[in-house]
Amino acid sequence: MDAPTHTDDAAQVDAVMDRARAAQARYEAAGSQALYDRAALAAGWALMQPGRNAELAAMAVETTGLGNVADKITKNHRKTLGLLRDIAGAVTHGVIRDDFATGITEIARPKGVIGAVVPSTNPVATPTNNVVNALKCGNAIVLSPSPKGNRVCERLIAHIHAEFAKVGLDPALVQMVPAPSSKAKTQRLMETCDLLVVTGSQDNVRRAYSSGTPALGVGAGNVTVIVDETADLNDAAAKITASKTFDNATSCSSENALVVVDAIREDFLAALHRTGGRLLGAADAARLKDALFGGGGLNRHMIARDLPQVLDVADIAVAEPETARFVLIEGDGIGPGHPESGEKLSLVTTLYTARDFGEAKAVTARILAHQGAGHSVGLHSADDARARELGHTLPTCRVIVNQAHCFATGGAFDNGMPFSLSMGCGSWGGNSIDDNLHWRHFLNTTKIVRTIPAREPGLEEIFGDYWQAAGR
Protein backbone atom coordinates (compact mmCIF):
# COMPACT_ATOMS: atom_id res chain seq x y z
CA MET A 1 0.00 0.00 0.00
CA ASP A 2 1.28 3.46 -0.87
CA ALA A 3 2.26 5.76 1.98
CA PRO A 4 -0.25 8.55 2.72
CA THR A 5 0.45 11.85 1.00
CA HIS A 6 0.27 15.38 2.34
CA THR A 7 -2.96 15.70 0.34
CA ASP A 8 -4.43 12.77 2.28
CA ASP A 9 -3.29 14.37 5.56
CA ALA A 10 -4.93 17.66 4.63
CA ALA A 11 -8.17 15.94 3.65
CA GLN A 12 -8.34 14.14 7.02
CA VAL A 13 -7.84 17.37 8.94
CA ASP A 14 -10.32 19.22 6.74
CA ALA A 15 -12.98 16.59 7.50
CA VAL A 16 -12.42 17.08 11.23
CA MET A 17 -12.57 20.85 10.82
CA ASP A 18 -15.83 20.64 8.88
CA ARG A 19 -17.45 18.69 11.71
CA ALA A 20 -16.03 21.10 14.28
CA ARG A 21 -17.30 24.17 12.43
CA ALA A 22 -20.80 22.73 12.10
CA ALA A 23 -20.84 21.74 15.78
CA GLN A 24 -19.57 25.15 16.88
CA ALA A 25 -22.20 26.96 14.83
CA ARG A 26 -24.95 24.92 16.51
CA TYR A 27 -23.35 25.41 19.95
CA GLU A 28 -23.19 29.18 19.49
CA ALA A 29 -26.73 29.38 18.06
CA ALA A 30 -28.10 27.59 21.14
CA GLY A 31 -25.66 29.42 23.38
CA SER A 32 -26.26 30.49 26.93
CA GLN A 33 -24.07 30.92 29.96
CA ALA A 34 -25.62 27.82 31.48
CA LEU A 35 -24.82 25.75 28.38
CA TYR A 36 -21.22 26.95 28.17
CA ASP A 37 -20.68 26.37 31.90
CA ARG A 38 -22.14 22.87 31.71
CA ALA A 39 -19.86 21.95 28.81
CA ALA A 40 -16.77 23.25 30.64
CA LEU A 41 -17.69 21.30 33.78
CA ALA A 42 -18.32 18.13 31.75
CA ALA A 43 -14.83 18.34 30.25
CA GLY A 44 -13.31 19.06 33.66
CA TRP A 45 -15.03 16.11 35.32
CA ALA A 46 -14.01 13.85 32.43
CA LEU A 47 -10.46 14.15 33.79
CA MET A 48 -11.01 14.87 37.47
CA GLN A 49 -13.10 11.77 38.20
CA PRO A 50 -10.48 9.91 40.27
CA GLY A 51 -10.52 6.62 38.39
CA ARG A 52 -10.15 8.29 35.02
CA ASN A 53 -7.45 10.63 36.31
CA ALA A 54 -5.41 7.66 37.55
CA GLU A 55 -5.91 5.80 34.27
CA LEU A 56 -4.87 8.76 32.13
CA ALA A 57 -1.86 9.60 34.33
CA ALA A 58 -0.59 6.03 34.08
CA MET A 59 -1.16 5.95 30.33
CA ALA A 60 0.66 9.27 29.91
CA VAL A 61 3.77 7.97 31.66
CA GLU A 62 3.58 4.61 29.86
CA THR A 63 3.29 6.10 26.37
CA THR A 64 5.60 9.12 26.67
CA GLY A 65 8.13 7.79 29.19
CA LEU A 66 8.06 11.20 30.90
CA GLY A 67 7.28 12.08 34.50
CA ASN A 68 5.72 9.91 37.18
CA VAL A 69 2.18 8.74 37.76
CA ALA A 70 1.58 10.09 41.27
CA ASP A 71 2.58 13.64 40.36
CA LYS A 72 0.64 13.58 37.11
CA ILE A 73 -2.49 12.62 39.07
CA THR A 74 -1.88 15.60 41.35
CA LYS A 75 -1.18 17.92 38.42
CA ASN A 76 -4.26 16.81 36.49
CA HIS A 77 -6.45 17.34 39.55
CA ARG A 78 -5.08 20.64 40.84
CA LYS A 79 -4.63 22.36 37.49
CA THR A 80 -8.16 21.47 36.42
CA LEU A 81 -9.73 22.30 39.77
CA GLY A 82 -7.92 25.65 39.84
CA LEU A 83 -9.05 26.46 36.32
CA LEU A 84 -12.67 25.62 37.14
CA ARG A 85 -12.41 27.87 40.19
CA ASP A 86 -11.03 30.69 38.04
CA ILE A 87 -13.81 30.51 35.45
CA ALA A 88 -16.70 30.01 37.89
CA GLY A 89 -18.86 33.10 37.51
CA ALA A 90 -16.89 34.47 34.55
CA VAL A 91 -19.34 35.93 32.02
CA THR A 92 -18.55 34.56 28.56
CA HIS A 93 -21.98 34.80 26.90
CA GLY A 94 -24.01 37.89 26.10
CA VAL A 95 -23.26 41.31 27.55
CA ILE A 96 -20.08 41.33 29.60
CA ARG A 97 -19.85 45.10 30.17
CA ASP A 98 -22.29 48.00 29.93
CA ASP A 99 -20.52 51.33 30.52
CA PHE A 100 -22.93 54.25 30.47
CA ALA A 101 -20.08 56.75 30.93
CA THR A 102 -18.47 55.76 27.62
CA GLY A 103 -21.65 54.61 25.90
CA ILE A 104 -20.04 51.26 25.10
CA THR A 105 -21.59 47.83 25.52
CA GLU A 106 -19.32 44.79 25.12
CA ILE A 107 -20.76 41.47 23.98
CA ALA A 108 -18.88 38.18 24.33
CA ARG A 109 -18.46 36.22 21.11
CA PRO A 110 -16.63 32.94 20.46
CA LYS A 111 -13.45 32.74 18.40
CA GLY A 112 -14.82 29.74 16.45
CA VAL A 113 -12.72 26.59 16.20
CA ILE A 114 -9.60 26.52 18.36
CA GLY A 115 -6.58 24.53 17.20
CA ALA A 116 -4.42 23.43 20.15
CA VAL A 117 -0.97 21.90 19.76
CA VAL A 118 -0.10 20.16 23.03
CA PRO A 119 3.20 18.75 24.35
CA SER A 120 4.27 15.26 25.37
CA THR A 121 5.37 16.58 28.77
CA ASN A 122 1.77 17.31 29.81
CA PRO A 123 -0.38 15.25 27.44
CA VAL A 124 -3.46 15.29 29.70
CA ALA A 125 -3.49 18.43 31.86
CA THR A 126 -2.63 20.85 29.03
CA PRO A 127 -5.27 19.68 26.52
CA THR A 128 -7.90 19.57 29.27
CA ASN A 129 -7.07 23.16 30.20
CA ASN A 130 -7.46 24.20 26.56
CA VAL A 131 -10.72 22.27 26.13
CA VAL A 132 -12.30 23.76 29.25
CA ASN A 133 -11.35 27.31 28.25
CA ALA A 134 -12.58 26.81 24.69
CA LEU A 135 -15.97 25.39 25.72
CA LYS A 136 -16.47 28.04 28.40
CA CYS A 137 -16.27 30.67 25.67
CA GLY A 138 -18.51 29.00 23.09
CA ASN A 139 -15.85 27.45 20.87
CA ALA A 140 -15.16 24.04 19.41
CA ILE A 141 -11.60 22.71 19.67
CA VAL A 142 -9.34 20.34 17.74
CA LEU A 143 -6.29 18.98 19.55
CA SER A 144 -2.98 18.07 17.91
CA PRO A 145 -1.00 15.90 20.34
CA SER A 146 2.63 14.88 20.03
CA PRO A 147 3.12 11.46 18.40
CA LYS A 148 3.76 9.88 21.79
CA GLY A 149 0.63 11.54 23.17
CA ASN A 150 -1.79 10.19 20.55
CA ARG A 151 -3.18 7.28 22.54
CA VAL A 152 -3.71 9.16 25.80
CA CYS A 153 -5.30 12.07 23.91
CA GLU A 154 -7.74 9.67 22.25
CA ARG A 155 -8.62 8.24 25.65
CA LEU A 156 -9.10 11.70 27.18
CA ILE A 157 -11.44 12.68 24.38
CA ALA A 158 -13.38 9.44 24.81
CA HIS A 159 -13.97 10.34 28.46
CA ILE A 160 -15.04 13.87 27.48
CA HIS A 161 -17.48 12.45 24.94
CA ALA A 162 -18.89 10.10 27.59
CA GLU A 163 -19.61 13.10 29.83
CA PHE A 164 -21.09 14.98 26.87
CA ALA A 165 -23.50 12.10 26.26
CA LYS A 166 -24.86 12.51 29.80
CA VAL A 167 -25.85 16.13 29.20
CA GLY A 168 -26.69 16.11 25.49
CA LEU A 169 -23.61 17.88 24.12
CA ASP A 170 -22.24 17.33 20.62
CA PRO A 171 -19.04 15.23 20.65
CA ALA A 172 -17.82 17.07 17.54
CA LEU A 173 -17.12 20.07 19.79
CA VAL A 174 -13.96 18.31 21.00
CA GLN A 175 -11.89 16.35 18.48
CA MET A 176 -8.28 15.63 17.64
CA VAL A 177 -6.20 15.46 14.50
CA PRO A 178 -6.50 11.86 13.25
CA ALA A 179 -3.69 9.56 14.34
CA PRO A 180 -0.92 9.08 13.56
CA SER A 181 0.29 12.63 14.16
CA SER A 182 2.39 14.31 11.50
CA LYS A 183 3.82 17.73 10.83
CA ALA A 184 1.64 17.95 7.73
CA LYS A 185 -1.53 17.39 9.74
CA THR A 186 -0.50 19.88 12.40
CA GLN A 187 0.36 22.41 9.71
CA ARG A 188 -3.05 21.99 8.09
CA LEU A 189 -4.74 22.51 11.45
CA MET A 190 -2.67 25.64 11.96
CA GLU A 191 -3.76 27.01 8.61
CA THR A 192 -7.49 26.27 8.90
CA CYS A 193 -8.56 26.95 12.50
CA ASP A 194 -9.66 30.34 13.84
CA LEU A 195 -7.21 30.61 16.75
CA LEU A 196 -4.06 28.62 17.45
CA VAL A 197 -2.85 27.81 20.95
CA VAL A 198 0.63 26.25 20.96
CA THR A 199 2.41 24.88 24.01
CA GLY A 200 5.61 22.92 23.60
CA SER A 201 8.39 23.01 21.05
CA GLN A 202 9.62 26.37 19.86
CA ASP A 203 9.57 25.00 16.30
CA ASN A 204 5.79 24.59 16.61
CA VAL A 205 5.47 28.07 18.09
CA ARG A 206 7.38 29.60 15.17
CA ARG A 207 5.31 27.64 12.65
CA ALA A 208 2.14 28.82 14.37
CA TYR A 209 3.14 32.48 14.15
CA SER A 210 3.89 32.10 10.43
CA SER A 211 0.75 30.09 9.62
CA GLY A 212 -1.47 33.06 8.84
CA THR A 213 -3.79 32.20 11.74
CA PRO A 214 -3.95 34.31 14.91
CA ALA A 215 -1.74 32.42 17.35
CA LEU A 216 -1.03 32.30 21.06
CA GLY A 217 2.37 30.70 21.50
CA VAL A 218 4.45 30.48 24.65
CA GLY A 219 8.19 30.76 25.03
CA ALA A 220 10.86 28.44 26.32
CA GLY A 221 11.36 28.04 30.04
CA ASN A 222 14.74 28.11 31.73
CA VAL A 223 13.89 29.15 35.24
CA THR A 224 16.62 30.72 37.31
CA VAL A 225 16.12 31.23 41.04
CA ILE A 226 18.14 33.52 43.31
CA VAL A 227 18.66 32.64 46.98
CA ASP A 228 20.03 35.63 48.89
CA GLU A 229 21.51 36.11 52.33
CA THR A 230 18.17 37.15 53.87
CA ALA A 231 16.30 34.00 52.81
CA ASP A 232 14.82 31.39 55.12
CA LEU A 233 17.19 28.68 53.92
CA ASN A 234 15.24 25.66 55.17
CA ASP A 235 12.03 26.96 53.62
CA ALA A 236 13.78 27.77 50.34
CA ALA A 237 15.42 24.35 50.19
CA ALA A 238 12.15 22.52 50.86
CA LYS A 239 10.25 24.51 48.23
CA ILE A 240 12.96 24.26 45.59
CA THR A 241 13.24 20.50 46.09
CA ALA A 242 9.47 19.98 45.94
CA SER A 243 9.25 22.04 42.76
CA LYS A 244 12.31 20.63 41.00
CA THR A 245 11.34 17.02 41.59
CA PHE A 246 7.62 17.33 40.80
CA ASP A 247 6.71 15.05 37.88
CA ASN A 248 10.44 14.48 37.33
CA ALA A 249 10.99 18.10 36.17
CA THR A 250 8.67 17.97 33.14
CA SER A 251 7.44 21.49 33.91
CA CYS A 252 8.78 24.50 32.02
CA SER A 253 8.75 26.15 35.45
CA SER A 254 11.19 23.75 37.14
CA GLU A 255 14.32 25.30 38.59
CA ASN A 256 17.05 24.89 35.98
CA ALA A 257 19.60 27.12 37.74
CA LEU A 258 20.13 28.35 41.28
CA VAL A 259 22.16 31.50 41.88
CA VAL A 260 23.21 31.54 45.52
CA VAL A 261 24.84 34.41 47.37
CA ASP A 262 28.25 33.30 48.65
CA ALA A 263 27.61 34.25 52.29
CA ILE A 264 24.97 31.54 52.69
CA ARG A 265 26.17 29.04 50.09
CA GLU A 266 27.38 26.30 52.45
CA ASP A 267 24.43 26.60 54.83
CA PHE A 268 22.02 26.51 51.90
CA LEU A 269 23.69 23.47 50.35
CA ALA A 270 23.41 21.73 53.72
CA ALA A 271 19.71 22.56 53.81
CA LEU A 272 19.33 21.25 50.25
CA HIS A 273 21.15 18.06 51.19
CA ARG A 274 18.62 17.47 53.97
CA THR A 275 15.73 17.82 51.50
CA GLY A 276 17.32 15.57 48.87
CA GLY A 277 19.65 17.74 46.77
CA ARG A 278 23.10 16.30 46.07
CA LEU A 279 25.94 18.51 44.79
CA LEU A 280 28.23 16.46 42.53
CA GLY A 281 31.99 16.73 42.61
CA ALA A 282 33.84 17.88 39.51
CA ALA A 283 34.52 14.41 38.09
CA ASP A 284 30.95 13.15 38.54
CA ALA A 285 29.53 16.43 37.22
CA ALA A 286 31.65 16.07 34.07
CA ARG A 287 30.37 12.50 33.56
CA LEU A 288 26.78 13.61 34.03
CA LYS A 289 27.14 16.53 31.62
CA ASP A 290 28.70 14.28 29.02
CA ALA A 291 25.82 11.81 29.38
CA LEU A 292 23.07 14.45 29.39
CA PHE A 293 24.40 16.75 26.67
CA GLY A 294 27.00 14.66 24.81
CA GLY A 295 24.80 13.76 21.86
CA GLY A 296 24.18 17.36 20.85
CA GLY A 297 20.74 17.39 22.49
CA LEU A 298 19.24 16.24 25.75
CA ASN A 299 19.57 12.51 26.34
CA ARG A 300 16.04 11.08 26.07
CA HIS A 301 16.96 8.35 28.55
CA MET A 302 17.51 11.04 31.20
CA ILE A 303 14.74 13.53 30.39
CA ALA A 304 11.98 13.45 33.03
CA ARG A 305 13.23 10.11 34.36
CA ASP A 306 13.48 8.92 37.94
CA LEU A 307 16.75 9.87 39.62
CA PRO A 308 18.14 6.29 39.82
CA GLN A 309 17.88 6.06 36.03
CA VAL A 310 19.57 9.45 35.57
CA LEU A 311 22.45 8.33 37.78
CA ASP A 312 22.64 4.95 36.07
CA VAL A 313 22.86 6.45 32.58
CA ALA A 314 25.61 8.81 33.77
CA ASP A 315 27.31 5.94 35.64
CA ILE A 316 27.68 7.90 38.86
CA ALA A 317 26.64 7.48 42.49
CA VAL A 318 25.60 9.97 45.15
CA ALA A 319 25.87 10.05 48.91
CA GLU A 320 22.87 8.73 50.83
CA PRO A 321 21.11 7.59 47.65
CA GLU A 322 18.03 6.40 49.53
CA THR A 323 17.06 10.02 50.32
CA ALA A 324 18.49 11.70 47.19
CA ARG A 325 15.88 13.41 44.99
CA PHE A 326 17.87 15.50 42.49
CA VAL A 327 21.44 16.50 41.72
CA LEU A 328 23.27 19.80 41.34
CA ILE A 329 26.26 20.55 39.13
CA GLU A 330 28.46 23.63 39.26
CA GLY A 331 27.99 25.95 36.29
CA ASP A 332 31.20 26.42 34.30
CA GLY A 333 29.78 29.30 32.29
CA ILE A 334 26.74 30.64 30.47
CA GLY A 335 25.83 30.43 26.80
CA PRO A 336 25.83 28.03 23.85
CA GLY A 337 29.13 26.47 24.88
CA HIS A 338 27.74 25.69 28.32
CA PRO A 339 24.61 23.55 27.91
CA GLU A 340 24.23 23.29 31.67
CA SER A 341 23.06 26.93 31.58
CA GLY A 342 19.97 25.98 29.57
CA GLU A 343 16.75 24.05 30.16
CA LYS A 344 17.42 20.45 31.17
CA LEU A 345 13.97 18.82 31.65
CA SER A 346 15.59 16.44 34.12
CA LEU A 347 16.39 16.08 37.80
CA VAL A 348 19.53 18.16 37.29
CA THR A 349 19.98 21.76 38.44
CA THR A 350 22.96 24.01 37.79
CA LEU A 351 24.47 25.93 40.70
CA TYR A 352 26.05 29.36 40.34
CA THR A 353 27.60 31.33 43.19
CA ALA A 354 27.51 35.15 43.37
CA ARG A 355 29.33 37.61 45.61
CA ASP A 356 26.12 39.46 46.47
CA PHE A 357 22.62 40.14 45.22
CA GLY A 358 23.85 42.53 42.54
CA GLU A 359 26.04 39.87 40.98
CA ALA A 360 23.27 37.28 41.37
CA LYS A 361 20.98 39.54 39.35
CA ALA A 362 23.68 39.96 36.69
CA VAL A 363 24.20 36.18 36.43
CA THR A 364 20.44 35.69 36.09
CA ALA A 365 20.28 38.30 33.34
CA ARG A 366 23.03 36.49 31.42
CA ILE A 367 21.19 33.18 31.72
CA LEU A 368 17.97 34.76 30.45
CA ALA A 369 19.82 36.34 27.56
CA HIS A 370 20.99 32.85 26.63
CA GLN A 371 17.62 31.10 27.11
CA GLY A 372 14.30 31.66 28.84
CA ALA A 373 13.83 35.41 28.47
CA GLY A 374 10.30 36.47 29.34
CA HIS A 375 9.24 33.33 31.18
CA SER A 376 9.95 33.69 34.90
CA VAL A 377 12.54 33.97 37.61
CA GLY A 378 12.39 33.12 41.29
CA LEU A 379 13.64 34.85 44.41
CA HIS A 380 13.98 33.53 47.94
CA SER A 381 14.50 36.62 50.08
CA ALA A 382 13.08 38.57 53.00
CA ASP A 383 13.66 41.83 51.10
CA ASP A 384 10.65 42.63 48.92
CA ALA A 385 12.49 45.58 47.37
CA ARG A 386 14.73 43.06 45.64
CA ALA A 387 11.73 41.42 44.01
CA ARG A 388 10.68 44.83 42.71
CA GLU A 389 14.22 45.45 41.44
CA LEU A 390 14.12 42.20 39.46
CA GLY A 391 10.71 43.13 38.08
CA HIS A 392 11.96 46.54 36.96
CA THR A 393 15.21 45.38 35.36
CA LEU A 394 15.14 41.76 34.15
CA PRO A 395 13.48 40.61 30.90
CA THR A 396 10.89 38.48 32.68
CA CYS A 397 7.10 38.42 32.90
CA ARG A 398 6.98 36.85 36.37
CA VAL A 399 9.02 37.15 39.55
CA ILE A 400 8.00 34.32 41.87
CA VAL A 401 8.81 35.22 45.49
CA ASN A 402 9.41 32.64 48.23
CA GLN A 403 7.38 29.93 46.50
CA ALA A 404 7.89 26.51 44.95
CA HIS A 405 8.34 27.77 41.43
CA CYS A 406 6.61 25.16 39.30
CA PHE A 407 3.56 25.18 41.58
CA ALA A 408 3.32 28.97 41.65
CA THR A 409 4.03 30.13 38.10
CA GLY A 410 1.01 28.49 36.52
CA GLY A 411 -1.36 29.55 39.27
CA ALA A 412 -1.74 28.31 42.83
CA PHE A 413 -4.46 28.36 45.45
CA ASP A 414 -2.31 30.73 47.54
CA ASN A 415 -1.37 33.24 44.83
CA GLY A 416 -3.32 35.32 42.36
CA MET A 417 -2.02 33.96 39.04
CA PRO A 418 -4.56 32.28 36.74
CA PHE A 419 -4.29 28.50 36.65
CA SER A 420 -2.64 27.58 33.37
CA LEU A 421 -0.04 25.30 31.82
CA SER A 422 0.95 27.83 29.17
CA MET A 423 2.93 30.88 30.21
CA GLY A 424 3.22 33.76 27.75
CA CYS A 425 6.65 35.37 27.65
CA GLY A 426 5.89 38.71 26.01
CA SER A 427 8.13 40.32 23.44
CA TRP A 428 11.20 39.06 25.35
CA GLY A 429 10.22 35.48 24.51
CA GLY A 430 8.81 36.28 21.06
CA ASN A 431 5.20 35.83 22.22
CA SER A 432 2.00 37.75 21.62
CA ILE A 433 0.93 37.51 25.29
CA ASP A 434 2.81 38.19 28.52
CA ASP A 435 0.41 36.57 30.98
CA ASN A 436 -0.77 33.06 31.75
CA LEU A 437 -3.02 31.74 29.00
CA HIS A 438 -6.57 31.91 30.38
CA TRP A 439 -10.23 32.01 29.39
CA ARG A 440 -10.22 35.65 28.25
CA HIS A 441 -7.85 34.74 25.40
CA PHE A 442 -10.55 32.46 23.94
CA LEU A 443 -13.12 35.25 23.43
CA ASN A 444 -13.83 37.90 20.85
CA THR A 445 -15.84 40.94 21.89
CA THR A 446 -18.21 43.07 19.87
CA LYS A 447 -18.57 46.70 20.96
CA ILE A 448 -21.76 48.69 20.57
CA VAL A 449 -20.72 52.34 20.45
CA ARG A 450 -23.16 55.20 21.19
CA THR A 451 -22.77 58.96 21.35
CA ILE A 452 -22.01 60.65 24.66
CA PRO A 453 -21.53 64.32 25.59
CA ALA A 454 -18.45 65.64 23.79
CA ARG A 455 -15.20 65.65 25.79
CA GLU A 456 -12.89 67.74 23.57
CA PRO A 457 -10.18 69.45 25.67
CA GLY A 458 -8.61 72.83 25.03
CA LEU A 459 -4.94 73.11 24.10
CA GLU A 460 -4.12 74.76 27.43
CA GLU A 461 -5.50 71.74 29.31
CA ILE A 462 -3.25 69.37 27.38
CA PHE A 463 -0.07 71.41 26.87
CA GLY A 464 -0.13 73.84 29.82
CA ASP A 465 2.49 72.08 31.95
CA TYR A 466 4.65 71.34 28.92
CA TRP A 467 4.55 74.97 27.73
CA GLN A 468 5.51 76.13 31.21
CA ALA A 469 8.58 73.87 31.16
CA ALA A 470 9.63 74.18 27.54
CA GLY A 471 7.88 77.24 26.18
CA ARG A 472 5.75 77.39 23.10
Foldseek 3Di string as FASTA:
>chain_A
DDDDDLVNLLVLLVVLLVLQQVQLVVLLVPDDLVQLLLLLVLLLCLCLVQVNVLVLLVLLCVLLVFFDRVLSSVLSNFLSVLQNVVCVVQDQAAWRDQDPQQQKTKGWDFLEEEEEEDESLNLQNAVSQVLSLRSSNRYAYEYQYDQSSVVSNVVSLVSSVVSCVVVVGDSSSYYYRDPPGDPSNSLSSLQPGQEYEYEDDVVSVVSSVVNPHHYFYAFAAAEEEEEAPAFPLLLVLQLLLCLQQRRQQSASFRHLEYEYEPVCVVVNVVSNVVQAEFEDDPVLLVLLCCQQCVVPHGDSQFANHFPVSSCVSSVHDTPPVVNHGAYEYEFPDAAPVGCSLGDRNGRYHYYHYDNHLVVSLVRVQRSVVRGHFQDEYEYRHPDVVSLVVCVVPHRYLYYHYSGNGSQPQQHHPPDDARHARGAHRPVSRPGPDRGGDGSVVRIDMDMDGDDDPDDDDDPCVVCVVVCVVPND
